[in-house]
Amino acid sequence: MEFKHDEVLRRVANISPALAMNTRACDGARQLVPDSMRRMVDAGLFKLLQPRRVGGWELPMRTGAEAVSAVSEACPSSGWVLMVMGAHHWCVGCLPEKGQEDVFGGGRDGLVAGTLSWQGTADAVEGGYRVNGRWQFCSGVDHSQWVMLGCADPKTRGPGVHLVVPRNEIEVDDTWHVMGLRGTGSKDVVAHDIFVPAHRAIDTRAMFTGASPHASQHATNLYRLSAEAMLATSGLSALVGQAKTALRQFIARTRERKVILTGARKADHAPTQVRLAEAAAEVQCADLVLHNSLDEFDRLMERGENCPNDLRVHARWNAAYGVELCRRAVARMYAASGAHAVYDPSDLQVSFRNIEVGAQHASMDFDSSAEMYARMRLGESK
């Protein structure tokens, strides 16, 4: 069966009520509860960006991003784990064919957690690499079968290789005690002299710039994208979904709120109405910025070219600015929600915390992305 965009979104809609019901349970467990993970796996959502040649659906980034956004509206932690694992499944498509077979062969889901920043090291040895180090923010690791790790060159400390290791060969350190996105289970992982064969590794610079030599071996041009642009855009899609939910929460809360001293309805308060209008516009603009990048990705895939530097930089800036719009919108609504919003039962308080944590992701860093984009526009970076 060939899966299409509309079928994916229909499946997301079918499981969203159950995911929403589990949101608080995921936060309490500090990882996705098994029911939420099972529903996403059974719906095939982790196959969206998985290579077709090893049983995946290899659908456009647009489908992956819109699925992540819709899941994030129901459960932010579920959407985040889907986003991160989906990004890693895309990265596996940049590996040599034997590496793809190791992870996804036989139609396996694979379920690759990990972290793409090169926090550990990989020493080249005969037939592969010896890997050591500690990596933070390994979202979904409790439910993974594989872990993707970014590794620095031990001599230069610059980017070296990205590689995939079996989950049972790596140590998980439960450090995930945080203010938001608690249900993602983004714990530390530690490698102690693990051997990884060369076919499960890819040069970091090649993958991040969209120049994997294995990208042309697939049914589509999906893997010619830049990993940097792909990851940043995926992150924005998760936060857009969260911001849409926060907007609905604010509207529902404002409709029922009254001023304690006068009994006047907050919904009739002009400054509150202005806050709502401005926040709604920011969330809508963030969604438009997201789809601007997805439109560019579609055009690139149709041409079958590797990702040019200007698109990579522009997509990162789109993501960073879109995330900042979401963050501002939710912060503005939270500030107008009254003292009762500080209590744990407040849904808007949870959305505020989740957005603030998600916005810290390095791929969507506002300052560095803005500087990179401005330098490109001014001709200082080629």
Protein backbone atom coordinates (compact mmCIF):
# COMPACT_ATOMS: atom_id res chain seq x y z
CA MET A 1 0.00 0.00 0.00
CA GLU A 2 1.34 3.42 -0.95
CA PHE A 3 0.65 5.98 1.74
CA LYS A 4 -0.24 9.56 0.93
CA HIS A 5 -0.29 12.85 2.81
CA ASP A 6 -4.02 12.84 3.58
CA GLU A 7 -3.94 9.27 4.89
CA VAL A 8 -1.15 10.18 7.30
CA LEU A 9 -3.08 13.15 8.68
CA ARG A 10 -6.20 10.99 8.99
CA ARG A 11 -4.23 8.52 11.10
CA VAL A 12 -2.89 11.35 13.25
CA ALA A 13 -6.43 12.63 13.81
CA ASN A 14 -7.57 9.16 14.84
CA ILE A 15 -4.97 8.76 17.60
CA SER A 16 -4.85 12.41 18.77
CA PRO A 17 -7.63 12.12 21.39
CA ALA A 18 -5.83 9.23 23.09
CA LEU A 19 -2.49 11.07 22.93
CA ALA A 20 -4.11 14.13 24.50
CA MET A 21 -5.53 12.01 27.32
CA ASN A 22 -2.04 10.69 28.06
CA THR A 23 -0.27 14.07 28.11
CA ARG A 24 -0.20 14.50 31.88
CA ALA A 25 0.75 10.85 32.40
CA CYS A 26 3.74 11.32 30.06
CA ASP A 27 4.87 14.36 32.04
CA GLY A 28 4.56 12.43 35.29
CA ALA A 29 6.50 9.46 33.93
CA ARG A 30 9.14 11.75 32.38
CA GLN A 31 8.90 9.68 29.21
CA LEU A 32 6.14 8.75 26.79
CA VAL A 33 3.79 6.23 28.35
CA PRO A 34 3.74 2.92 26.43
CA ASP A 35 0.21 3.51 25.11
CA SER A 36 1.19 6.77 23.38
CA MET A 37 4.29 5.27 21.82
CA ARG A 38 2.40 2.18 20.67
CA ARG A 39 -0.32 4.24 19.00
CA MET A 40 2.21 6.26 17.00
CA VAL A 41 4.12 3.13 16.00
CA ASP A 42 0.94 1.31 14.98
CA ALA A 43 -0.14 4.32 12.91
CA GLY A 44 3.17 4.09 11.02
CA LEU A 45 4.23 7.62 11.94
CA PHE A 46 7.87 6.68 12.44
CA LYS A 47 8.05 5.43 8.85
CA LEU A 48 7.26 8.82 7.30
CA LEU A 49 10.88 9.83 6.59
CA GLN A 50 12.27 6.29 6.60
CA PRO A 51 13.78 5.16 3.25
CA ARG A 52 11.41 3.29 0.97
CA ARG A 53 14.08 0.78 0.00
CA VAL A 54 14.03 -0.58 3.60
CA GLY A 55 10.28 -0.56 4.17
CA GLY A 56 9.67 3.10 4.94
CA TRP A 57 7.26 5.51 3.26
CA GLU A 58 9.85 8.16 2.21
CA LEU A 59 7.23 10.91 2.13
CA PRO A 60 8.03 14.60 1.60
CA MET A 61 9.19 16.76 4.48
CA ARG A 62 5.83 18.55 4.26
CA THR A 63 4.01 15.40 5.38
CA GLY A 64 6.45 14.76 8.20
CA ALA A 65 6.26 18.36 9.43
CA GLU A 66 2.46 18.55 9.32
CA ALA A 67 2.15 15.22 11.13
CA VAL A 68 4.54 16.42 13.85
CA SER A 69 2.63 19.69 14.19
CA ALA A 70 -0.72 17.90 14.49
CA VAL A 71 0.59 15.38 17.06
CA SER A 72 2.15 18.24 19.03
CA GLU A 73 -1.24 19.93 19.25
CA ALA A 74 -2.54 16.82 21.03
CA CYS A 75 0.53 16.01 23.15
CA PRO A 76 3.68 18.17 22.98
CA SER A 77 5.96 15.42 24.28
CA SER A 78 4.64 12.88 21.76
CA GLY A 79 5.08 15.40 18.95
CA TRP A 80 8.63 16.16 20.05
CA VAL A 81 9.66 12.49 20.17
CA LEU A 82 8.06 11.90 16.77
CA MET A 83 9.96 14.91 15.42
CA VAL A 84 13.34 13.85 16.82
CA MET A 85 13.08 10.19 15.85
CA GLY A 86 11.74 11.14 12.42
CA ALA A 87 14.77 13.39 11.92
CA HIS A 88 17.10 10.54 12.85
CA HIS A 89 15.28 8.15 10.51
CA TRP A 90 15.92 10.70 7.75
CA CYS A 91 19.60 10.77 8.77
CA VAL A 92 19.83 6.97 8.49
CA GLY A 93 18.83 7.44 4.84
CA CYS A 94 22.17 9.23 4.37
CA LEU A 95 24.16 6.17 5.53
CA PRO A 96 25.58 3.48 3.22
CA GLU A 97 23.00 0.90 2.18
CA LYS A 98 24.30 -1.74 4.59
CA GLY A 99 23.83 0.69 7.48
CA GLN A 100 20.24 1.32 6.42
CA GLU A 101 19.68 -2.43 6.29
CA ASP A 102 21.08 -2.89 9.80
CA VAL A 103 18.57 -0.42 11.24
CA PHE A 104 15.45 -0.87 9.11
CA GLY A 105 15.97 -4.13 7.19
CA GLY A 106 13.03 -6.50 7.05
CA GLY A 107 10.55 -3.65 7.46
CA ARG A 108 11.55 -2.91 11.06
CA ASP A 109 10.47 0.38 12.61
CA GLY A 110 14.04 0.95 13.81
CA LEU A 111 13.08 3.71 16.29
CA VAL A 112 16.28 5.74 16.37
CA ALA A 113 16.76 8.12 19.29
CA GLY A 114 19.96 10.13 19.72
CA THR A 115 21.49 13.55 19.56
CA LEU A 116 23.05 15.19 16.52
CA SER A 117 25.47 17.56 18.27
CA TRP A 118 29.03 16.18 18.33
CA GLN A 119 29.45 15.85 22.09
CA GLY A 120 31.47 12.61 22.12
CA THR A 121 34.39 11.40 20.01
CA ALA A 122 34.97 8.73 17.37
CA ASP A 123 38.50 7.40 16.74
CA ALA A 124 39.00 5.83 13.31
CA VAL A 125 40.19 2.22 13.58
CA GLU A 126 40.33 -0.66 11.15
CA GLY A 127 36.83 -1.29 9.83
CA GLY A 128 35.11 1.52 11.70
CA TYR A 129 35.29 3.70 14.82
CA ARG A 130 35.80 3.51 18.56
CA VAL A 131 33.24 5.76 20.24
CA ASN A 132 33.41 7.36 23.68
CA GLY A 133 31.62 10.18 25.46
CA ARG A 134 28.42 11.55 26.92
CA TRP A 135 25.54 13.04 24.96
CA GLN A 136 22.67 15.10 26.37
CA PHE A 137 19.04 15.47 25.23
CA CYS A 138 18.47 11.97 23.83
CA SER A 139 14.69 12.30 23.36
CA GLY A 140 12.72 9.06 23.34
CA VAL A 141 15.68 6.87 24.26
CA ASP A 142 13.57 4.68 26.58
CA HIS A 143 11.55 3.50 23.57
CA SER A 144 14.38 3.28 21.04
CA GLN A 145 16.16 0.33 19.46
CA TRP A 146 19.04 2.40 18.07
CA VAL A 147 20.82 5.62 19.01
CA MET A 148 22.37 8.10 16.58
CA LEU A 149 25.36 10.02 17.93
CA GLY A 150 27.25 13.01 16.60
CA CYS A 151 30.98 12.56 17.17
CA ALA A 152 33.80 15.06 17.10
CA ASP A 153 37.18 14.39 15.56
CA PRO A 154 39.30 13.60 18.65
CA LYS A 155 42.24 15.61 17.28
CA THR A 156 40.52 18.78 16.06
CA ARG A 157 37.36 18.61 18.23
CA GLY A 158 35.50 19.72 15.12
CA PRO A 159 32.69 17.74 13.45
CA GLY A 160 33.70 14.21 12.57
CA VAL A 161 31.08 11.54 11.88
CA HIS A 162 27.52 10.68 12.78
CA LEU A 163 26.93 7.03 13.52
CA VAL A 164 24.29 4.62 14.79
CA VAL A 165 24.70 2.17 17.66
CA PRO A 166 22.31 -0.43 19.12
CA ARG A 167 20.44 0.87 22.16
CA ASN A 168 21.61 -2.09 24.26
CA GLU A 169 25.27 -1.13 23.77
CA ILE A 170 24.91 2.29 25.34
CA GLU A 171 24.31 3.46 28.92
CA VAL A 172 21.32 5.69 29.73
CA ASP A 173 21.75 8.18 32.59
CA ASP A 174 18.43 9.57 33.86
CA THR A 175 19.21 13.28 34.07
CA TRP A 176 15.86 14.50 32.68
CA HIS A 177 14.54 16.68 35.54
CA VAL A 178 13.43 19.83 33.71
CA MET A 179 10.80 22.56 33.55
CA GLY A 180 9.08 21.57 30.28
CA LEU A 181 8.68 18.81 27.70
CA ARG A 182 9.09 16.44 30.62
CA GLY A 183 7.42 13.57 28.81
CA THR A 184 10.10 13.41 26.11
CA GLY A 185 12.49 11.45 28.35
CA SER A 186 15.46 13.33 26.86
CA LYS A 187 18.08 11.69 29.06
CA ASP A 188 21.85 11.54 28.75
CA VAL A 189 23.52 8.59 27.03
CA VAL A 190 27.08 7.39 27.63
CA ALA A 191 29.36 5.33 25.36
CA HIS A 192 32.32 3.38 26.71
CA ASP A 193 34.67 2.33 23.90
CA ILE A 194 31.93 1.06 21.56
CA PHE A 195 33.01 -0.27 18.17
CA VAL A 196 30.84 0.94 15.28
CA PRO A 197 31.43 -0.45 11.76
CA ALA A 198 32.10 2.07 9.01
CA HIS A 199 28.87 1.25 7.16
CA ARG A 200 26.88 2.72 10.08
CA ALA A 201 28.63 6.08 9.88
CA ILE A 202 28.48 9.17 7.65
CA ASP A 203 30.75 12.21 7.45
CA THR A 204 29.08 14.96 9.48
CA ARG A 205 29.81 17.78 7.04
CA ALA A 206 28.43 15.77 4.12
CA MET A 207 25.17 15.04 5.94
CA PHE A 208 24.71 18.52 7.35
CA THR A 209 25.23 20.21 3.99
CA GLY A 210 23.06 17.77 2.03
CA ALA A 211 25.96 16.12 0.21
CA SER A 212 25.71 12.48 1.31
CA PRO A 213 27.14 10.28 -1.48
CA HIS A 214 24.33 7.80 -0.75
CA ALA A 215 21.44 10.24 -1.25
CA SER A 216 21.04 9.43 -4.95
CA GLN A 217 20.36 5.73 -4.26
CA HIS A 218 16.79 6.33 -3.07
CA ALA A 219 13.43 6.38 -4.83
CA THR A 220 13.09 10.14 -4.25
CA ASN A 221 15.38 13.10 -3.70
CA LEU A 222 14.39 13.45 -0.02
CA TYR A 223 17.87 12.76 1.33
CA ARG A 224 19.49 15.52 -0.74
CA LEU A 225 18.28 18.02 1.84
CA SER A 226 20.65 19.47 4.39
CA ALA A 227 20.33 17.77 7.79
CA GLU A 228 20.76 21.20 9.35
CA ALA A 229 17.79 22.65 7.43
CA MET A 230 15.73 19.50 7.95
CA LEU A 231 16.23 19.40 11.73
CA ALA A 232 15.54 23.10 12.31
CA THR A 233 12.38 23.01 10.21
CA SER A 234 11.19 19.87 11.99
CA GLY A 235 11.70 21.56 15.35
CA LEU A 236 9.63 24.54 14.27
CA SER A 237 6.81 22.23 13.21
CA ALA A 238 6.61 20.82 16.76
CA LEU A 239 6.48 24.25 18.37
CA VAL A 240 3.89 25.59 15.93
CA GLY A 241 1.60 22.75 16.99
CA GLN A 242 2.18 23.54 20.66
CA ALA A 243 1.51 27.24 20.10
CA LYS A 244 -1.78 26.48 18.35
CA THR A 245 -2.90 24.50 21.40
CA ALA A 246 -1.86 27.33 23.73
CA LEU A 247 -3.93 29.74 21.66
CA ARG A 248 -7.01 27.55 22.05
CA GLN A 249 -6.34 27.21 25.78
CA PHE A 250 -6.10 30.98 26.20
CA ILE A 251 -9.36 31.58 24.33
CA ALA A 252 -11.19 28.99 26.44
CA ARG A 253 -9.80 30.39 29.69
CA THR A 254 -10.53 34.01 28.76
CA ARG A 255 -14.15 33.25 27.89
CA GLU A 256 -14.81 32.02 31.43
CA ARG A 257 -12.67 34.49 33.41
CA LYS A 258 -14.09 37.43 35.32
CA VAL A 259 -12.43 40.36 37.09
CA ILE A 260 -12.63 39.56 40.80
CA LEU A 261 -13.35 43.13 41.96
CA THR A 262 -15.98 44.09 39.38
CA GLY A 263 -17.25 40.83 37.95
CA ALA A 264 -16.64 42.10 34.42
CA ARG A 265 -15.88 39.49 31.76
CA LYS A 266 -12.22 39.35 30.73
CA ALA A 267 -13.39 38.61 27.19
CA ASP A 268 -14.83 42.15 27.08
CA HIS A 269 -11.54 43.72 28.18
CA ALA A 270 -9.97 45.56 25.23
CA PRO A 271 -6.29 45.03 26.23
CA THR A 272 -6.99 41.28 26.55
CA GLN A 273 -8.56 41.28 23.10
CA VAL A 274 -5.47 43.01 21.70
CA ARG A 275 -3.20 40.41 23.30
CA LEU A 276 -5.25 37.64 21.73
CA ALA A 277 -5.22 39.25 18.29
CA GLU A 278 -1.48 39.79 18.36
CA ALA A 279 -0.73 36.30 19.64
CA ALA A 280 -2.98 34.73 17.00
CA ALA A 281 -1.19 36.69 14.27
CA GLU A 282 2.21 35.56 15.52
CA VAL A 283 1.20 31.90 15.57
CA GLN A 284 -0.24 32.22 12.08
CA CYS A 285 2.94 33.90 10.84
CA ALA A 286 5.08 31.13 12.37
CA ASP A 287 2.98 28.59 10.47
CA LEU A 288 3.44 30.56 7.25
CA VAL A 289 7.21 30.73 7.79
CA LEU A 290 7.24 26.95 8.33
CA HIS A 291 5.39 26.35 5.08
CA ASN A 292 7.67 28.75 3.22
CA SER A 293 10.57 26.42 4.03
CA LEU A 294 8.51 23.35 3.11
CA ASP A 295 7.66 24.94 -0.25
CA GLU A 296 11.38 25.46 -0.91
CA PHE A 297 12.10 21.85 0.06
CA ASP A 298 9.43 20.64 -2.39
CA ARG A 299 10.98 22.62 -5.23
CA LEU A 300 14.45 21.31 -4.40
CA MET A 301 13.20 17.72 -4.36
CA GLU A 302 11.58 18.17 -7.76
CA ARG A 303 14.86 19.43 -9.24
CA GLY A 304 16.90 16.58 -7.75
CA GLU A 305 19.76 18.85 -6.68
CA ASN A 306 21.79 18.90 -3.50
CA CYS A 307 20.78 21.53 -0.95
CA PRO A 308 22.43 24.89 -1.71
CA ASN A 309 23.97 26.88 1.11
CA ASP A 310 21.53 29.78 0.83
CA LEU A 311 18.54 27.46 1.34
CA ARG A 312 20.23 25.80 4.31
CA VAL A 313 20.86 29.18 5.95
CA HIS A 314 17.43 30.58 5.07
CA ALA A 315 15.64 27.50 6.45
CA ARG A 316 17.54 27.78 9.73
CA TRP A 317 16.59 31.44 10.04
CA ASN A 318 12.96 30.70 9.19
CA ALA A 319 12.93 28.11 11.96
CA ALA A 320 14.60 30.34 14.53
CA TYR A 321 12.33 33.30 13.80
CA GLY A 322 9.21 31.12 13.66
CA VAL A 323 10.06 29.62 17.05
CA GLU A 324 10.61 33.10 18.48
CA LEU A 325 7.16 34.13 17.23
CA CYS A 326 5.63 31.11 18.98
CA ARG A 327 7.53 31.84 22.17
CA ARG A 328 6.45 35.50 22.22
CA ALA A 329 2.83 34.60 21.53
CA VAL A 330 2.59 32.04 24.33
CA ALA A 331 4.46 34.26 26.81
CA ARG A 332 2.07 37.13 26.03
CA MET A 333 -0.99 34.95 26.59
CA TYR A 334 0.41 33.43 29.76
CA ALA A 335 1.08 36.90 31.19
CA ALA A 336 -2.59 37.79 30.62
CA SER A 337 -3.98 34.62 32.20
CA GLY A 338 -4.06 35.72 35.81
CA ALA A 339 -2.61 34.33 39.03
CA HIS A 340 -4.44 31.01 38.77
CA ALA A 341 -2.37 30.14 35.68
CA VAL A 342 0.66 29.51 37.91
CA TYR A 343 -0.86 26.36 39.40
CA ASP A 344 0.11 22.94 38.03
CA PRO A 345 -3.43 22.09 36.83
CA SER A 346 -3.28 25.06 34.43
CA ASP A 347 -2.94 23.81 30.85
CA LEU A 348 -1.60 27.19 29.73
CA GLN A 349 1.16 27.00 32.33
CA VAL A 350 2.21 23.63 30.87
CA SER A 351 2.20 25.09 27.34
CA PHE A 352 4.29 28.04 28.52
CA ARG A 353 6.90 25.72 30.05
CA ASN A 354 6.96 23.41 27.03
CA ILE A 355 7.46 26.24 24.54
CA GLU A 356 10.24 27.80 26.59
CA VAL A 357 12.13 24.48 26.74
CA GLY A 358 11.58 23.60 23.08
CA ALA A 359 12.81 27.03 22.00
CA GLN A 360 16.21 26.27 23.55
CA HIS A 361 17.04 23.65 20.90
CA ALA A 362 20.41 24.47 19.35
CA SER A 363 19.20 24.03 15.75
CA MET A 364 16.80 26.96 16.25
CA ASP A 365 19.11 29.29 18.16
CA PHE A 366 17.94 32.82 17.37
CA ASP A 367 21.23 34.74 17.64
CA SER A 368 23.47 32.39 15.64
CA SER A 369 20.82 31.81 12.96
CA ALA A 370 20.20 35.54 12.57
CA GLU A 371 23.93 36.27 12.27
CA MET A 372 24.43 33.52 9.69
CA TYR A 373 21.47 34.72 7.62
CA ALA A 374 22.50 38.39 7.73
CA ARG A 375 26.08 37.58 6.72
CA MET A 376 24.83 35.58 3.77
CA ARG A 377 22.56 38.43 2.64
CA LEU A 378 25.40 40.93 3.02
CA GLY A 379 27.80 38.79 1.03
CA GLU A 380 30.17 37.94 3.88
CA SER A 381 29.41 34.21 3.80
CA LYS A 382 29.37 32.07 0.65
